Amino acid sequence: MNVTENKVQQLKDLLINSEKVDKDIAQEMEHATLHYGGFASYYEGYGVLLEEVDELWEEIKDKQSIPENLYKEAIQVAAMAREIALFAVQHVKD
């Protein structure tokens, strides 16, 4: 496989993985919203996001951590960040 073919394959793999990540973020947001409701304020969103970032950091620091746990925590961080963005977009004036 030459360099161009390798880059094309990497791009294909990235797109496939990106679709999975997007789907998992959406599922995590749905789960969180159904169980806890949406954010009442930016402060609440920030607090939840910090908690998720702390959990991700704990996984990163754990030398025995497994990729599945890191992935799960990263998805939760992304979902909460997206939730904040969605909360904010409701207040953006076009």
N, C-alpha and C. Protein backbone atom coordinates (compact mmCIF):
# COMPACT_ATOMS: atom_id res chain seq x y z
N MET A 1 0.85 -1.17 0.00
CA MET A 1 0.00 0.00 0.00
C MET A 1 0.90 1.24 0.00
N ASN A 2 0.67 2.15 -0.96
CA ASN A 2 1.51 3.35 -1.00
C ASN A 2 0.97 4.41 -0.03
N VAL A 3 1.65 5.54 0.04
CA VAL A 3 1.31 6.58 1.01
C VAL A 3 -0.11 7.10 0.78
N THR A 4 -0.48 7.34 -0.45
CA THR A 4 -1.81 7.87 -0.76
C THR A 4 -2.90 6.86 -0.37
N GLU A 5 -2.69 5.60 -0.71
CA GLU A 5 -3.67 4.58 -0.35
C GLU A 5 -3.79 4.46 1.16
N ASN A 6 -2.67 4.57 1.85
CA ASN A 6 -2.67 4.51 3.31
C ASN A 6 -3.46 5.68 3.90
N LYS A 7 -3.27 6.87 3.37
CA LYS A 7 -4.00 8.05 3.86
C LYS A 7 -5.49 7.93 3.58
N VAL A 8 -5.85 7.39 2.42
CA VAL A 8 -7.26 7.18 2.09
C VAL A 8 -7.87 6.18 3.06
N GLN A 9 -7.16 5.12 3.36
CA GLN A 9 -7.67 4.13 4.32
C GLN A 9 -7.81 4.73 5.71
N GLN A 10 -6.85 5.55 6.12
CA GLN A 10 -6.93 6.21 7.42
C GLN A 10 -8.16 7.12 7.48
N LEU A 11 -8.43 7.83 6.40
CA LEU A 11 -9.59 8.71 6.35
C LEU A 11 -10.88 7.90 6.43
N LYS A 12 -10.95 6.79 5.71
CA LYS A 12 -12.13 5.92 5.78
C LYS A 12 -12.34 5.41 7.20
N ASP A 13 -11.27 4.97 7.83
CA ASP A 13 -11.37 4.47 9.21
C ASP A 13 -11.83 5.59 10.15
N LEU A 14 -11.29 6.79 9.96
CA LEU A 14 -11.67 7.94 10.78
C LEU A 14 -13.16 8.24 10.63
N LEU A 15 -13.66 8.22 9.41
CA LEU A 15 -15.07 8.49 9.17
C LEU A 15 -15.96 7.44 9.81
N ILE A 16 -15.58 6.19 9.69
CA ILE A 16 -16.35 5.11 10.32
C ILE A 16 -16.36 5.29 11.83
N ASN A 17 -15.20 5.56 12.41
CA ASN A 17 -15.11 5.76 13.86
C ASN A 17 -15.86 7.02 14.29
N SER A 18 -15.81 8.04 13.46
CA SER A 18 -16.50 9.30 13.77
C SER A 18 -18.00 9.08 13.87
N GLU A 19 -18.53 8.28 12.97
CA GLU A 19 -19.96 7.97 13.01
C GLU A 19 -20.32 7.25 14.31
N LYS A 20 -19.47 6.33 14.73
CA LYS A 20 -19.72 5.60 15.98
C LYS A 20 -19.67 6.55 17.17
N VAL A 21 -18.68 7.41 17.19
CA VAL A 21 -18.55 8.37 18.29
C VAL A 21 -19.77 9.29 18.34
N ASP A 22 -20.17 9.82 17.19
CA ASP A 22 -21.35 10.70 17.14
C ASP A 22 -22.59 9.99 17.66
N LYS A 23 -22.76 8.75 17.25
CA LYS A 23 -23.92 7.95 17.70
C LYS A 23 -23.86 7.73 19.21
N ASP A 24 -22.69 7.41 19.72
CA ASP A 24 -22.55 7.16 21.16
C ASP A 24 -22.75 8.43 21.98
N ILE A 25 -22.30 9.58 21.46
CA ILE A 25 -22.53 10.86 22.14
C ILE A 25 -24.03 11.14 22.20
N ALA A 26 -24.72 10.94 21.09
CA ALA A 26 -26.17 11.18 21.05
C ALA A 26 -26.89 10.26 22.04
N GLN A 27 -26.48 9.00 22.11
CA GLN A 27 -27.11 8.06 23.05
C GLN A 27 -26.84 8.47 24.49
N GLU A 28 -25.64 8.94 24.78
CA GLU A 28 -25.30 9.38 26.14
C GLU A 28 -26.12 10.62 26.51
N MET A 29 -26.28 11.53 25.57
CA MET A 29 -27.09 12.72 25.83
C MET A 29 -28.54 12.33 26.11
N GLU A 30 -29.05 11.42 25.31
CA GLU A 30 -30.43 10.95 25.51
C GLU A 30 -30.59 10.31 26.88
N HIS A 31 -29.66 9.45 27.22
CA HIS A 31 -29.69 8.77 28.52
C HIS A 31 -29.66 9.80 29.66
N ALA A 32 -28.73 10.74 29.59
CA ALA A 32 -28.57 11.74 30.66
C ALA A 32 -29.82 12.62 30.77
N THR A 33 -30.36 13.02 29.63
CA THR A 33 -31.53 13.89 29.65
C THR A 33 -32.75 13.16 30.21
N LEU A 34 -32.94 11.92 29.81
CA LEU A 34 -34.08 11.15 30.32
C LEU A 34 -33.98 10.90 31.83
N HIS A 35 -32.76 10.68 32.31
CA HIS A 35 -32.58 10.37 33.72
C HIS A 35 -32.45 11.60 34.62
N TYR A 36 -31.84 12.67 34.10
CA TYR A 36 -31.53 13.82 34.95
C TYR A 36 -32.18 15.12 34.48
N GLY A 37 -32.76 15.11 33.29
CA GLY A 37 -33.31 16.34 32.74
C GLY A 37 -32.21 17.20 32.14
N GLY A 38 -32.61 18.24 31.46
CA GLY A 38 -31.63 19.15 30.86
C GLY A 38 -31.04 20.07 31.91
N PHE A 39 -30.05 20.83 31.52
CA PHE A 39 -29.42 21.77 32.44
C PHE A 39 -30.36 22.94 32.72
N ALA A 40 -30.38 23.37 33.97
CA ALA A 40 -31.18 24.53 34.35
C ALA A 40 -30.40 25.83 34.14
N SER A 41 -29.06 25.70 34.06
CA SER A 41 -28.23 26.90 33.89
C SER A 41 -26.87 26.48 33.32
N TYR A 42 -26.12 27.47 32.88
CA TYR A 42 -24.75 27.22 32.42
C TYR A 42 -23.89 26.72 33.57
N TYR A 43 -24.14 27.23 34.77
CA TYR A 43 -23.37 26.81 35.94
C TYR A 43 -23.56 25.32 36.22
N GLU A 44 -24.81 24.87 36.10
CA GLU A 44 -25.06 23.45 36.31
C GLU A 44 -24.35 22.62 35.23
N GLY A 45 -24.45 23.07 33.99
CA GLY A 45 -23.78 22.37 32.90
C GLY A 45 -22.28 22.31 33.11
N TYR A 46 -21.71 23.42 33.56
CA TYR A 46 -20.27 23.47 33.81
C TYR A 46 -19.88 22.52 34.94
N GLY A 47 -20.69 22.47 35.99
CA GLY A 47 -20.41 21.56 37.11
C GLY A 47 -20.43 20.11 36.68
N VAL A 48 -21.43 19.75 35.88
CA VAL A 48 -21.53 18.37 35.40
C VAL A 48 -20.35 18.06 34.47
N LEU A 49 -20.02 19.00 33.60
CA LEU A 49 -18.89 18.80 32.70
C LEU A 49 -17.59 18.61 33.48
N LEU A 50 -17.37 19.43 34.50
CA LEU A 50 -16.16 19.27 35.31
C LEU A 50 -16.10 17.90 35.98
N GLU A 51 -17.24 17.44 36.47
CA GLU A 51 -17.28 16.12 37.09
C GLU A 51 -16.88 15.03 36.08
N GLU A 52 -17.40 15.15 34.87
CA GLU A 52 -17.06 14.16 33.83
C GLU A 52 -15.59 14.26 33.42
N VAL A 53 -15.07 15.48 33.34
CA VAL A 53 -13.65 15.65 33.01
C VAL A 53 -12.78 15.04 34.11
N ASP A 54 -13.17 15.25 35.36
CA ASP A 54 -12.42 14.64 36.47
C ASP A 54 -12.41 13.12 36.38
N GLU A 55 -13.55 12.55 36.03
CA GLU A 55 -13.62 11.08 35.89
C GLU A 55 -12.74 10.60 34.74
N LEU A 56 -12.73 11.36 33.64
CA LEU A 56 -11.84 11.01 32.52
C LEU A 56 -10.38 11.11 32.95
N TRP A 57 -10.05 12.16 33.68
CA TRP A 57 -8.67 12.35 34.14
C TRP A 57 -8.23 11.20 35.04
N GLU A 58 -9.14 10.74 35.91
CA GLU A 58 -8.82 9.60 36.79
C GLU A 58 -8.51 8.36 35.95
N GLU A 59 -9.29 8.14 34.90
CA GLU A 59 -9.03 7.00 34.01
C GLU A 59 -7.69 7.16 33.30
N ILE A 60 -7.39 8.36 32.86
CA ILE A 60 -6.13 8.60 32.15
C ILE A 60 -4.95 8.32 33.08
N LYS A 61 -5.05 8.76 34.32
CA LYS A 61 -3.95 8.57 35.28
C LYS A 61 -3.78 7.12 35.71
N ASP A 62 -4.83 6.33 35.63
CA ASP A 62 -4.78 4.93 36.06
C ASP A 62 -3.95 4.12 35.06
N LYS A 63 -2.84 3.65 35.51
CA LYS A 63 -1.95 2.90 34.61
C LYS A 63 -2.57 1.57 34.17
N GLN A 64 -3.57 1.11 34.89
CA GLN A 64 -4.26 -0.13 34.53
C GLN A 64 -5.53 0.11 33.71
N SER A 65 -5.77 1.36 33.38
CA SER A 65 -7.00 1.72 32.67
C SER A 65 -7.08 0.99 31.33
N ILE A 66 -8.30 0.65 30.96
CA ILE A 66 -8.51 -0.01 29.68
C ILE A 66 -9.19 0.97 28.72
N PRO A 67 -8.92 0.83 27.43
CA PRO A 67 -9.46 1.77 26.45
C PRO A 67 -10.97 1.92 26.49
N GLU A 68 -11.69 0.87 26.80
CA GLU A 68 -13.16 0.96 26.86
C GLU A 68 -13.62 1.96 27.92
N ASN A 69 -12.93 1.96 29.07
CA ASN A 69 -13.27 2.91 30.13
C ASN A 69 -12.93 4.34 29.72
N LEU A 70 -11.78 4.52 29.10
CA LEU A 70 -11.39 5.84 28.62
C LEU A 70 -12.39 6.35 27.59
N TYR A 71 -12.80 5.47 26.69
CA TYR A 71 -13.77 5.83 25.66
C TYR A 71 -15.09 6.26 26.30
N LYS A 72 -15.56 5.48 27.25
CA LYS A 72 -16.83 5.79 27.92
C LYS A 72 -16.77 7.16 28.59
N GLU A 73 -15.69 7.43 29.30
CA GLU A 73 -15.57 8.72 29.98
C GLU A 73 -15.43 9.87 28.97
N ALA A 74 -14.70 9.65 27.89
CA ALA A 74 -14.56 10.69 26.87
C ALA A 74 -15.90 10.99 26.21
N ILE A 75 -16.70 9.97 25.99
CA ILE A 75 -18.04 10.15 25.41
C ILE A 75 -18.89 10.98 26.36
N GLN A 76 -18.80 10.71 27.66
CA GLN A 76 -19.58 11.48 28.62
C GLN A 76 -19.15 12.95 28.64
N VAL A 77 -17.86 13.21 28.55
CA VAL A 77 -17.38 14.59 28.48
C VAL A 77 -17.93 15.28 27.23
N ALA A 78 -17.81 14.61 26.10
CA ALA A 78 -18.29 15.19 24.84
C ALA A 78 -19.80 15.43 24.89
N ALA A 79 -20.53 14.51 25.47
CA ALA A 79 -21.99 14.66 25.54
C ALA A 79 -22.37 15.86 26.40
N MET A 80 -21.69 16.06 27.52
CA MET A 80 -22.02 17.19 28.38
C MET A 80 -21.60 18.51 27.74
N ALA A 81 -20.47 18.53 27.05
CA ALA A 81 -20.06 19.74 26.34
C ALA A 81 -21.06 20.08 25.24
N ARG A 82 -21.53 19.07 24.55
CA ARG A 82 -22.53 19.28 23.49
C ARG A 82 -23.84 19.77 24.10
N GLU A 83 -24.20 19.22 25.24
CA GLU A 83 -25.42 19.64 25.93
C GLU A 83 -25.35 21.13 26.28
N ILE A 84 -24.19 21.59 26.76
CA ILE A 84 -24.01 23.02 27.06
C ILE A 84 -24.16 23.84 25.78
N ALA A 85 -23.57 23.39 24.70
CA ALA A 85 -23.68 24.10 23.42
C ALA A 85 -25.13 24.18 22.97
N LEU A 86 -25.87 23.10 23.13
CA LEU A 86 -27.28 23.09 22.74
C LEU A 86 -28.11 24.00 23.65
N PHE A 87 -27.76 24.06 24.92
CA PHE A 87 -28.43 24.98 25.84
C PHE A 87 -28.16 26.42 25.41
N ALA A 88 -26.92 26.70 25.02
CA ALA A 88 -26.54 28.06 24.62
C ALA A 88 -27.19 28.47 23.30
N VAL A 89 -27.27 27.54 22.35
CA VAL A 89 -27.78 27.90 21.03
C VAL A 89 -29.23 28.36 21.11
N GLN A 90 -29.94 27.93 22.12
CA GLN A 90 -31.34 28.38 22.31
C GLN A 90 -31.40 29.88 22.60
N HIS A 91 -30.30 30.44 23.08
CA HIS A 91 -30.27 31.84 23.47
C HIS A 91 -29.51 32.72 22.47
N VAL A 92 -29.00 32.11 21.43
CA VAL A 92 -28.26 32.87 20.41
C VAL A 92 -29.25 33.59 19.51
N LYS A 93 -28.97 34.85 19.30
CA LYS A 93 -29.83 35.63 18.41
C LYS A 93 -29.20 35.64 17.02
N ASP A 94 -29.99 35.30 16.02
CA ASP A 94 -29.47 35.24 14.64
C ASP A 94 -29.18 36.60 14.08
